[in-house]
Amino acid sequence: MSAMTVREMPPSERPRERMAALGPKALSDRELIAIILTAGSTDSVLEVAATLLATFNGRLRRLLNADVTELRGVPGIGLAKACQLRAVGELARRMARQE
């Protein structure tokens, strides 16, 4: 049996709805990554997010600095999702330089 998709979850447990109600600090890394990944895969985005975190030993810096080819090696991550993750990493770097 596969993991429950976000659409199958009660609205109060869905990452986007939780963020809207509670703010981003209330969400886990897995939930935040799931929001970035959105839909477009037959896999649960929460499951894909968990796989990504496991692949990079839970280290967000490693995950967001990984190149597109490395990201695409993770099941459920294609070109579009790999580029979304790289874009977030680049924006985070630029934001850090401005502070």
PDB file of N, CA and C in Angstrom:
ATOM      1  N   MET A   1       0.835  -1.178   0.000  1.00  0.00           N
ATOM      2  CA  MET A   1       0.000   0.000   0.000  1.00  0.00           C
ATOM      3  C   MET A   1       0.881   1.243   0.000  1.00  0.00           C
ATOM      4  N   SER A   2       0.593   2.200  -0.862  1.00  0.00           N
ATOM      5  CA  SER A   2       1.413   3.398  -0.943  1.00  0.00           C
ATOM      6  C   SER A   2       0.991   4.410   0.110  1.00  0.00           C
ATOM      7  N   ALA A   3       1.856   5.374   0.323  1.00  0.00           N
ATOM      8  CA  ALA A   3       1.569   6.422   1.310  1.00  0.00           C
ATOM      9  C   ALA A   3       0.401   7.272   0.844  1.00  0.00           C
ATOM     10  N   MET A   4      -0.284   7.850   1.801  1.00  0.00           N
ATOM     11  CA  MET A   4      -1.417   8.723   1.505  1.00  0.00           C
ATOM     12  C   MET A   4      -0.915   9.978   0.787  1.00  0.00           C
ATOM     13  N   THR A   5      -1.597  10.356  -0.279  1.00  0.00           N
ATOM     14  CA  THR A   5      -1.239  11.592  -0.956  1.00  0.00           C
ATOM     15  C   THR A   5      -1.783  12.769  -0.164  1.00  0.00           C
ATOM     16  N   VAL A   6      -1.264  13.946  -0.435  1.00  0.00           N
ATOM     17  CA  VAL A   6      -1.723  15.146   0.272  1.00  0.00           C
ATOM     18  C   VAL A   6      -3.214  15.348   0.050  1.00  0.00           C
ATOM     19  N   ARG A   7      -3.668  15.100  -1.146  1.00  0.00           N
ATOM     20  CA  ARG A   7      -5.085  15.278  -1.472  1.00  0.00           C
ATOM     21  C   ARG A   7      -5.986  14.375  -0.632  1.00  0.00           C
ATOM     22  N   GLU A   8      -5.474  13.213  -0.241  1.00  0.00           N
ATOM     23  CA  GLU A   8      -6.248  12.264   0.563  1.00  0.00           C
ATOM     24  C   GLU A   8      -6.241  12.607   2.056  1.00  0.00           C
ATOM     25  N   MET A   9      -5.387  13.518   2.461  1.00  0.00           N
ATOM     26  CA  MET A   9      -5.268  13.888   3.875  1.00  0.00           C
ATOM     27  C   MET A   9      -6.402  14.818   4.278  1.00  0.00           C
ATOM     28  N   PRO A  10      -6.778  14.803   5.545  1.00  0.00           N
ATOM     29  CA  PRO A  10      -7.747  15.799   6.017  1.00  0.00           C
ATOM     30  C   PRO A  10      -7.152  17.198   5.794  1.00  0.00           C
ATOM     31  N   PRO A  11      -7.956  18.164   5.411  1.00  0.00           N
ATOM     32  CA  PRO A  11      -7.426  19.503   5.130  1.00  0.00           C
ATOM     33  C   PRO A  11      -6.547  20.077   6.242  1.00  0.00           C
ATOM     34  N   SER A  12      -6.881  19.820   7.481  1.00  0.00           N
ATOM     35  CA  SER A  12      -6.104  20.387   8.591  1.00  0.00           C
ATOM     36  C   SER A  12      -4.701  19.791   8.710  1.00  0.00           C
ATOM     37  N   GLU A  13      -4.443  18.669   8.023  1.00  0.00           N
ATOM     38  CA  GLU A  13      -3.133  18.020   8.074  1.00  0.00           C
ATOM     39  C   GLU A  13      -2.294  18.281   6.828  1.00  0.00           C
ATOM     40  N   ARG A  14      -2.850  18.931   5.828  1.00  0.00           N
ATOM     41  CA  ARG A  14      -2.126  19.197   4.584  1.00  0.00           C
ATOM     42  C   ARG A  14      -1.085  20.294   4.808  1.00  0.00           C
ATOM     43  N   PRO A  15       0.112  20.113   4.260  1.00  0.00           N
ATOM     44  CA  PRO A  15       1.175  21.087   4.518  1.00  0.00           C
ATOM     45  C   PRO A  15       0.816  22.539   4.181  1.00  0.00           C
ATOM     46  N   ARG A  16       0.228  22.787   3.033  1.00  0.00           N
ATOM     47  CA  ARG A  16      -0.096  24.181   2.679  1.00  0.00           C
ATOM     48  C   ARG A  16      -1.114  24.782   3.634  1.00  0.00           C
ATOM     49  N   GLU A  17      -2.121  24.011   3.968  1.00  0.00           N
ATOM     50  CA  GLU A  17      -3.144  24.498   4.879  1.00  0.00           C
ATOM     51  C   GLU A  17      -2.572  24.726   6.275  1.00  0.00           C
ATOM     52  N   ARG A  18      -1.670  23.833   6.699  1.00  0.00           N
ATOM     53  CA  ARG A  18      -1.015  24.017   7.997  1.00  0.00           C
ATOM     54  C   ARG A  18      -0.161  25.280   7.999  1.00  0.00           C
ATOM     55  N   MET A  19       0.538  25.530   6.894  1.00  0.00           N
ATOM     56  CA  MET A  19       1.351  26.735   6.811  1.00  0.00           C
ATOM     57  C   MET A  19       0.479  27.987   6.881  1.00  0.00           C
ATOM     58  N   ALA A  20      -0.629  27.972   6.159  1.00  0.00           N
ATOM     59  CA  ALA A  20      -1.527  29.130   6.165  1.00  0.00           C
ATOM     60  C   ALA A  20      -2.085  29.386   7.562  1.00  0.00           C
ATOM     61  N   ALA A  21      -2.395  28.318   8.283  1.00  0.00           N
ATOM     62  CA  ALA A  21      -3.002  28.465   9.607  1.00  0.00           C
ATOM     63  C   ALA A  21      -1.982  28.730  10.711  1.00  0.00           C
ATOM     64  N   LEU A  22      -0.814  28.086  10.621  1.00  0.00           N
ATOM     65  CA  LEU A  22       0.137  28.105  11.735  1.00  0.00           C
ATOM     66  C   LEU A  22       1.448  28.820  11.447  1.00  0.00           C
ATOM     67  N   GLY A  23       1.712  29.110  10.176  1.00  0.00           N
ATOM     68  CA  GLY A  23       2.977  29.728   9.790  1.00  0.00           C
ATOM     69  C   GLY A  23       4.032  28.685   9.474  1.00  0.00           C
ATOM     70  N   PRO A  24       5.079  29.075   8.740  1.00  0.00           N
ATOM     71  CA  PRO A  24       6.089  28.119   8.285  1.00  0.00           C
ATOM     72  C   PRO A  24       6.911  27.484   9.403  1.00  0.00           C
ATOM     73  N   LYS A  25       7.080  28.161  10.524  1.00  0.00           N
ATOM     74  CA  LYS A  25       7.888  27.603  11.616  1.00  0.00           C
ATOM     75  C   LYS A  25       7.250  26.367  12.230  1.00  0.00           C
ATOM     76  N   ALA A  26       5.949  26.199  12.059  1.00  0.00           N
ATOM     77  CA  ALA A  26       5.237  25.053  12.628  1.00  0.00           C
ATOM     78  C   ALA A  26       5.409  23.787  11.795  1.00  0.00           C
ATOM     79  N   LEU A  27       5.949  23.910  10.583  1.00  0.00           N
ATOM     80  CA  LEU A  27       6.067  22.768   9.686  1.00  0.00           C
ATOM     81  C   LEU A  27       7.430  22.101   9.799  1.00  0.00           C
ATOM     82  N   SER A  28       7.437  20.797   9.556  1.00  0.00           N
ATOM     83  CA  SER A  28       8.687  20.036   9.529  1.00  0.00           C
ATOM     84  C   SER A  28       9.408  20.306   8.211  1.00  0.00           C
ATOM     85  N   ASP A  29      10.688  19.926   8.151  1.00  0.00           N
ATOM     86  CA  ASP A  29      11.435  20.045   6.895  1.00  0.00           C
ATOM     87  C   ASP A  29      10.721  19.279   5.788  1.00  0.00           C
ATOM     88  N   ARG A  30      10.225  18.095   6.118  1.00  0.00           N
ATOM     89  CA  ARG A  30       9.523  17.258   5.137  1.00  0.00           C
ATOM     90  C   ARG A  30       8.308  17.985   4.579  1.00  0.00           C
ATOM     91  N   GLU A  31       7.533  18.639   5.438  1.00  0.00           N
ATOM     92  CA  GLU A  31       6.344  19.360   4.977  1.00  0.00           C
ATOM     93  C   GLU A  31       6.718  20.556   4.113  1.00  0.00           C
ATOM     94  N   LEU A  32       7.769  21.283   4.493  1.00  0.00           N
ATOM     95  CA  LEU A  32       8.201  22.431   3.696  1.00  0.00           C
ATOM     96  C   LEU A  32       8.680  21.987   2.317  1.00  0.00           C
ATOM     97  N   ILE A  33       9.438  20.896   2.268  1.00  0.00           N
ATOM     98  CA  ILE A  33       9.906  20.380   0.976  1.00  0.00           C
ATOM     99  C   ILE A  33       8.720  19.918   0.139  1.00  0.00           C
ATOM    100  N   ALA A  34       7.743  19.287   0.762  1.00  0.00           N
ATOM    101  CA  ALA A  34       6.546  18.841   0.033  1.00  0.00           C
ATOM    102  C   ALA A  34       5.822  20.025  -0.603  1.00  0.00           C
ATOM    103  N   ILE A  35       5.775  21.153   0.076  1.00  0.00           N
ATOM    104  CA  ILE A  35       5.139  22.343  -0.498  1.00  0.00           C
ATOM    105  C   ILE A  35       5.903  22.800  -1.735  1.00  0.00           C
ATOM    106  N   ILE A  36       7.219  22.771  -1.682  1.00  0.00           N
ATOM    107  CA  ILE A  36       8.032  23.164  -2.835  1.00  0.00           C
ATOM    108  C   ILE A  36       7.797  22.212  -3.998  1.00  0.00           C
ATOM    109  N   LEU A  37       7.728  20.921  -3.704  1.00  0.00           N
ATOM    110  CA  LEU A  37       7.587  19.920  -4.767  1.00  0.00           C
ATOM    111  C   LEU A  37       6.204  19.922  -5.397  1.00  0.00           C
ATOM    112  N   THR A  38       5.199  20.324  -4.674  1.00  0.00           N
ATOM    113  CA  THR A  38       3.805  20.300  -5.118  1.00  0.00           C
ATOM    114  C   THR A  38       3.440  18.940  -5.676  1.00  0.00           C
ATOM    115  N   ALA A  39       2.593  18.912  -6.665  1.00  0.00           N
ATOM    116  CA  ALA A  39       2.117  17.648  -7.231  1.00  0.00           C
ATOM    117  C   ALA A  39       2.860  17.341  -8.526  1.00  0.00           C
ATOM    118  N   GLY A  40       2.358  16.373  -9.264  1.00  0.00           N
ATOM    119  CA  GLY A  40       2.943  16.043 -10.553  1.00  0.00           C
ATOM    120  C   GLY A  40       3.618  14.691 -10.578  1.00  0.00           C
ATOM    121  N   SER A  41       3.536  13.961  -9.509  1.00  0.00           N
ATOM    122  CA  SER A  41       4.137  12.640  -9.422  1.00  0.00           C
ATOM    123  C   SER A  41       3.073  11.667  -8.938  1.00  0.00           C
ATOM    124  N   THR A  42       3.246  10.410  -9.285  1.00  0.00           N
ATOM    125  CA  THR A  42       2.317   9.402  -8.774  1.00  0.00           C
ATOM    126  C   THR A  42       2.621   9.098  -7.309  1.00  0.00           C
ATOM    127  N   ASP A  43       3.799   9.498  -6.844  1.00  0.00           N
ATOM    128  CA  ASP A  43       4.185   9.282  -5.452  1.00  0.00           C
ATOM    129  C   ASP A  43       3.642  10.407  -4.581  1.00  0.00           C
ATOM    130  N   SER A  44       3.478  10.127  -3.315  1.00  0.00           N
ATOM    131  CA  SER A  44       3.105  11.148  -2.344  1.00  0.00           C
ATOM    132  C   SER A  44       4.268  12.128  -2.219  1.00  0.00           C
ATOM    133  N   VAL A  45       3.986  13.438  -2.305  1.00  0.00           N
ATOM    134  CA  VAL A  45       5.075  14.406  -2.177  1.00  0.00           C
ATOM    135  C   VAL A  45       5.708  14.336  -0.790  1.00  0.00           C
ATOM    136  N   LEU A  46       4.946  13.959   0.213  1.00  0.00           N
ATOM    137  CA  LEU A  46       5.534  13.790   1.542  1.00  0.00           C
ATOM    138  C   LEU A  46       6.500  12.608   1.561  1.00  0.00           C
ATOM    139  N   GLU A  47       6.165  11.552   0.836  1.00  0.00           N
ATOM    140  CA  GLU A  47       7.054  10.395   0.742  1.00  0.00           C
ATOM    141  C   GLU A  47       8.316  10.762  -0.039  1.00  0.00           C
ATOM    142  N   VAL A  48       8.151  11.493  -1.142  1.00  0.00           N
ATOM    143  CA  VAL A  48       9.307  11.938  -1.930  1.00  0.00           C
ATOM    144  C   VAL A  48      10.186  12.852  -1.077  1.00  0.00           C
ATOM    145  N   ALA A  49       9.574  13.752  -0.320  1.00  0.00           N
ATOM    146  CA  ALA A  49      10.335  14.650   0.552  1.00  0.00           C
ATOM    147  C   ALA A  49      11.122  13.856   1.591  1.00  0.00           C
ATOM    148  N   ALA A  50      10.505  12.827   2.163  1.00  0.00           N
ATOM    149  CA  ALA A  50      11.195  11.987   3.143  1.00  0.00           C
ATOM    150  C   ALA A  50      12.377  11.268   2.495  1.00  0.00           C
ATOM    151  N   THR A  51      12.196  10.789   1.264  1.00  0.00           N
ATOM    152  CA  THR A  51      13.282  10.125   0.541  1.00  0.00           C
ATOM    153  C   THR A  51      14.422  11.096   0.270  1.00  0.00           C
ATOM    154  N   LEU A  52      14.086  12.320  -0.133  1.00  0.00           N
ATOM    155  CA  LEU A  52      15.115  13.342  -0.355  1.00  0.00           C
ATOM    156  C   LEU A  52      15.915  13.596   0.918  1.00  0.00           C
ATOM    157  N   LEU A  53      15.213  13.794   2.013  1.00  0.00           N
ATOM    158  CA  LEU A  53      15.907  14.052   3.276  1.00  0.00           C
ATOM    159  C   LEU A  53      16.800  12.877   3.661  1.00  0.00           C
ATOM    160  N   ALA A  54      16.313  11.663   3.484  1.00  0.00           N
ATOM    161  CA  ALA A  54      17.116  10.482   3.808  1.00  0.00           C
ATOM    162  C   ALA A  54      18.344  10.396   2.903  1.00  0.00           C
ATOM    163  N   THR A  55      18.166  10.691   1.619  1.00  0.00           N
ATOM    164  CA  THR A  55      19.274  10.639   0.660  1.00  0.00           C
ATOM    165  C   THR A  55      20.395  11.590   1.055  1.00  0.00           C
ATOM    166  N   PHE A  56      20.022  12.743   1.588  1.00  0.00           N
ATOM    167  CA  PHE A  56      21.005  13.759   1.959  1.00  0.00           C
ATOM    168  C   PHE A  56      21.212  13.831   3.480  1.00  0.00           C
ATOM    169  N   ASN A  57      20.924  12.707   4.158  1.00  0.00           N
ATOM    170  CA  ASN A  57      21.158  12.563   5.603  1.00  0.00           C
ATOM    171  C   ASN A  57      20.509  13.672   6.426  1.00  0.00           C
ATOM    172  N   GLY A  58      19.357  14.153   5.969  1.00  0.00           N
ATOM    173  CA  GLY A  58      18.640  15.186   6.708  1.00  0.00           C
ATOM    174  C   GLY A  58      19.291  16.556   6.663  1.00  0.00           C
ATOM    175  N   ARG A  59      20.300  16.717   5.828  1.00  0.00           N
ATOM    176  CA  ARG A  59      21.049  17.982   5.765  1.00  0.00           C
ATOM    177  C   ARG A  59      20.502  18.849   4.642  1.00  0.00           C
ATOM    178  N   LEU A  60      19.776  19.878   5.024  1.00  0.00           N
ATOM    179  CA  LEU A  60      19.154  20.763   4.037  1.00  0.00           C
ATOM    180  C   LEU A  60      20.193  21.447   3.158  1.00  0.00           C
ATOM    181  N   ARG A  61      21.304  21.840   3.714  1.00  0.00           N
ATOM    182  CA  ARG A  61      22.356  22.494   2.923  1.00  0.00           C
ATOM    183  C   ARG A  61      22.830  21.566   1.799  1.00  0.00           C
ATOM    184  N   ARG A  62      23.044  20.302   2.121  1.00  0.00           N
ATOM    185  CA  ARG A  62      23.476  19.339   1.092  1.00  0.00           C
ATOM    186  C   ARG A  62      22.390  19.156   0.037  1.00  0.00           C
ATOM    187  N   LEU A  63      21.145  19.031   0.488  1.00  0.00           N
ATOM    188  CA  LEU A  63      20.036  18.829  -0.442  1.00  0.00           C
ATOM    189  C   LEU A  63      19.920  20.014  -1.401  1.00  0.00           C
ATOM    190  N   LEU A  64      19.930  21.224  -0.867  1.00  0.00           N
ATOM    191  CA  LEU A  64      19.720  22.408  -1.701  1.00  0.00           C
ATOM    192  C   LEU A  64      20.953  22.813  -2.493  1.00  0.00           C
ATOM    193  N   ASN A  65      22.117  22.236  -2.181  1.00  0.00           N
ATOM    194  CA  ASN A  65      23.324  22.485  -2.964  1.00  0.00           C
ATOM    195  C   ASN A  65      23.599  21.373  -3.973  1.00  0.00           C
ATOM    196  N   ALA A  66      22.818  20.316  -3.934  1.00  0.00           N
ATOM    197  CA  ALA A  66      23.016  19.200  -4.869  1.00  0.00           C
ATOM    198  C   ALA A  66      22.749  19.674  -6.292  1.00  0.00           C
ATOM    199  N   ASP A  67      23.470  19.092  -7.238  1.00  0.00           N
ATOM    200  CA  ASP A  67      23.209  19.489  -8.625  1.00  0.00           C
ATOM    201  C   ASP A  67      21.982  18.752  -9.164  1.00  0.00           C
ATOM    202  N   VAL A  68      21.493  19.228 -10.289  1.00  0.00           N
ATOM    203  CA  VAL A  68      20.257  18.697 -10.875  1.00  0.00           C
ATOM    204  C   VAL A  68      20.376  17.200 -11.145  1.00  0.00           C
ATOM    205  N   THR A  69      21.521  16.758 -11.636  1.00  0.00           N
ATOM    206  CA  THR A  69      21.707  15.334 -11.936  1.00  0.00           C
ATOM    207  C   THR A  69      21.594  14.493 -10.672  1.00  0.00           C
ATOM    208  N   GLU A  70      22.211  14.952  -9.598  1.00  0.00           N
ATOM    209  CA  GLU A  70      22.146  14.219  -8.328  1.00  0.00           C
ATOM    210  C   GLU A  70      20.713  14.176  -7.800  1.00  0.00           C
ATOM    211  N   LEU A  71      20.014  15.301  -7.866  1.00  0.00           N
ATOM    212  CA  LEU A  71      18.621  15.344  -7.409  1.00  0.00           C
ATOM    213  C   LEU A  71      17.738  14.414  -8.232  1.00  0.00           C
ATOM    214  N   ARG A  72      17.978  14.373  -9.538  1.00  0.00           N
ATOM    215  CA  ARG A  72      17.162  13.522 -10.411  1.00  0.00           C
ATOM    216  C   ARG A  72      17.387  12.039 -10.151  1.00  0.00           C
ATOM    217  N   GLY A  73      18.434  11.696  -9.447  1.00  0.00           N
ATOM    218  CA  GLY A  73      18.682  10.307  -9.078  1.00  0.00           C
ATOM    219  C   GLY A  73      17.775   9.817  -7.958  1.00  0.00           C
ATOM    220  N   VAL A  74      17.057  10.727  -7.339  1.00  0.00           N
ATOM    221  CA  VAL A  74      16.145  10.364  -6.252  1.00  0.00           C
ATOM    222  C   VAL A  74      14.795   9.996  -6.860  1.00  0.00           C
ATOM    223  N   PRO A  75      14.236   8.836  -6.515  1.00  0.00           N
ATOM    224  CA  PRO A  75      12.930   8.451  -7.066  1.00  0.00           C
ATOM    225  C   PRO A  75      11.869   9.524  -6.817  1.00  0.00           C
ATOM    226  N   GLY A  76      11.131   9.864  -7.866  1.00  0.00           N
ATOM    227  CA  GLY A  76      10.076  10.867  -7.762  1.00  0.00           C
ATOM    228  C   GLY A  76      10.526  12.271  -8.119  1.00  0.00           C
ATOM    229  N   ILE A  77      11.833  12.448  -8.366  1.00  0.00           N
ATOM    230  CA  ILE A  77      12.361  13.769  -8.715  1.00  0.00           C
ATOM    231  C   ILE A  77      12.766  13.770 -10.187  1.00  0.00           C
ATOM    232  N   GLY A  78      12.053  14.561 -10.956  1.00  0.00           N
ATOM    233  CA  GLY A  78      12.386  14.751 -12.362  1.00  0.00           C
ATOM    234  C   GLY A  78      13.061  16.099 -12.547  1.00  0.00           C
ATOM    235  N   LEU A  79      13.179  16.507 -13.791  1.00  0.00           N
ATOM    236  CA  LEU A  79      13.860  17.763 -14.102  1.00  0.00           C
ATOM    237  C   LEU A  79      13.175  18.962 -13.444  1.00  0.00           C
ATOM    238  N   ALA A  80      11.857  19.043 -13.539  1.00  0.00           N
ATOM    239  CA  ALA A  80      11.141  20.205 -12.992  1.00  0.00           C
ATOM    240  C   ALA A  80      11.343  20.326 -11.482  1.00  0.00           C
ATOM    241  N   LYS A  81      11.190  19.226 -10.755  1.00  0.00           N
ATOM    242  CA  LYS A  81      11.328  19.276  -9.296  1.00  0.00           C
ATOM    243  C   LYS A  81      12.777  19.529  -8.891  1.00  0.00           C
ATOM    244  N   ALA A  82      13.716  18.949  -9.625  1.00  0.00           N
ATOM    245  CA  ALA A  82      15.129  19.202  -9.336  1.00  0.00           C
ATOM    246  C   ALA A  82      15.441  20.685  -9.517  1.00  0.00           C
ATOM    247  N   CYS A  83      14.909  21.286 -10.558  1.00  0.00           N
ATOM    248  CA  CYS A  83      15.141  22.713 -10.797  1.00  0.00           C
ATOM    249  C   CYS A  83      14.453  23.574  -9.742  1.00  0.00           C
ATOM    250  N   GLN A  84      13.277  23.168  -9.289  1.00  0.00           N
ATOM    251  CA  GLN A  84      12.603  23.915  -8.216  1.00  0.00           C
ATOM    252  C   GLN A  84      13.466  23.925  -6.958  1.00  0.00           C
ATOM    253  N   LEU A  85      14.005  22.780  -6.605  1.00  0.00           N
ATOM    254  CA  LEU A  85      14.850  22.693  -5.415  1.00  0.00           C
ATOM    255  C   LEU A  85      16.125  23.517  -5.575  1.00  0.00           C
ATOM    256  N   ARG A  86      16.742  23.455  -6.738  1.00  0.00           N
ATOM    257  CA  ARG A  86      17.953  24.251  -6.988  1.00  0.00           C
ATOM    258  C   ARG A  86      17.642  25.739  -6.921  1.00  0.00           C
ATOM    259  N   ALA A  87      16.486  26.136  -7.426  1.00  0.00           N
ATOM    260  CA  ALA A  87      16.099  27.550  -7.381  1.00  0.00           C
ATOM    261  C   ALA A  87      15.941  28.018  -5.934  1.00  0.00           C
ATOM    262  N   VAL A  88      15.336  27.197  -5.099  1.00  0.00           N
ATOM    263  CA  VAL A  88      15.193  27.550  -3.683  1.00  0.00           C
ATOM    264  C   VAL A  88      16.573  27.693  -3.043  1.00  0.00           C
ATOM    265  N   GLY A  89      17.467  26.770  -3.347  1.00  0.00           N
ATOM    266  CA  GLY A  89      18.826  26.853  -2.807  1.00  0.00           C
ATOM    267  C   GLY A  89      19.526  28.128  -3.234  1.00  0.00           C
ATOM    268  N   GLU A  90      19.388  28.490  -4.490  1.00  0.00           N
ATOM    269  CA  GLU A  90      20.019  29.709  -4.995  1.00  0.00           C
ATOM    270  C   GLU A  90      19.417  30.952  -4.347  1.00  0.00           C
ATOM    271  N   LEU A  91      18.100  30.990  -4.206  1.00  0.00           N
ATOM    272  CA  LEU A  91      17.460  32.129  -3.535  1.00  0.00           C
ATOM    273  C   LEU A  91      17.917  32.244  -2.081  1.00  0.00           C
ATOM    274  N   ALA A  92      18.060  31.114  -1.401  1.00  0.00           N
ATOM    275  CA  ALA A  92      18.528  31.130  -0.014  1.00  0.00           C
ATOM    276  C   ALA A  92      19.947  31.688   0.069  1.00  0.00           C
ATOM    277  N   ARG A  93      20.811  31.296  -0.861  1.00  0.00           N
ATOM    278  CA  ARG A  93      22.182  31.817  -0.881  1.00  0.00           C
ATOM    279  C   ARG A  93      22.184  33.326  -1.113  1.00  0.00           C
ATOM    280  N   ARG A  94      21.382  33.775  -2.060  1.00  0.00           N
ATOM    281  CA  ARG A  94      21.320  35.212  -2.350  1.00  0.00           C
ATOM    282  C   ARG A  94      20.786  35.992  -1.160  1.00  0.00           C
ATOM    283  N   MET A  95      19.793  35.459  -0.492  1.00  0.00           N
ATOM    284  CA  MET A  95      19.230  36.122   0.676  1.00  0.00           C
ATOM    285  C   MET A  95      20.283  36.216   1.787  1.00  0.00           C
ATOM    286  N   ALA A  96      21.044  35.150   1.992  1.00  0.00           N
ATOM    287  CA  ALA A  96      22.076  35.142   3.028  1.00  0.00           C
ATOM    288  C   ALA A  96      23.154  36.184   2.738  1.00  0.00           C
ATOM    289  N   ARG A  97      23.482  36.389   1.472  1.00  0.00           N
ATOM    290  CA  ARG A  97      24.493  37.394   1.102  1.00  0.00           C
ATOM    291  C   ARG A  97      24.008  38.808   1.380  1.00  0.00           C
ATOM    292  N   GLN A  98      22.708  39.038   1.306  1.00  0.00           N
ATOM    293  CA  GLN A  98      22.160  40.377   1.510  1.00  0.00           C
ATOM    294  C   GLN A  98      22.099  40.763   2.981  1.00  0.00           C
ATOM    295  N   GLU A  99      22.146  39.801   3.860  1.00  0.00           N
ATOM    296  CA  GLU A  99      22.022  40.107   5.302  1.00  0.00           C
ATOM    297  C   GLU A  99      23.347  40.483   5.908  1.00  0.00           C
TER     298      GLU A  99
END
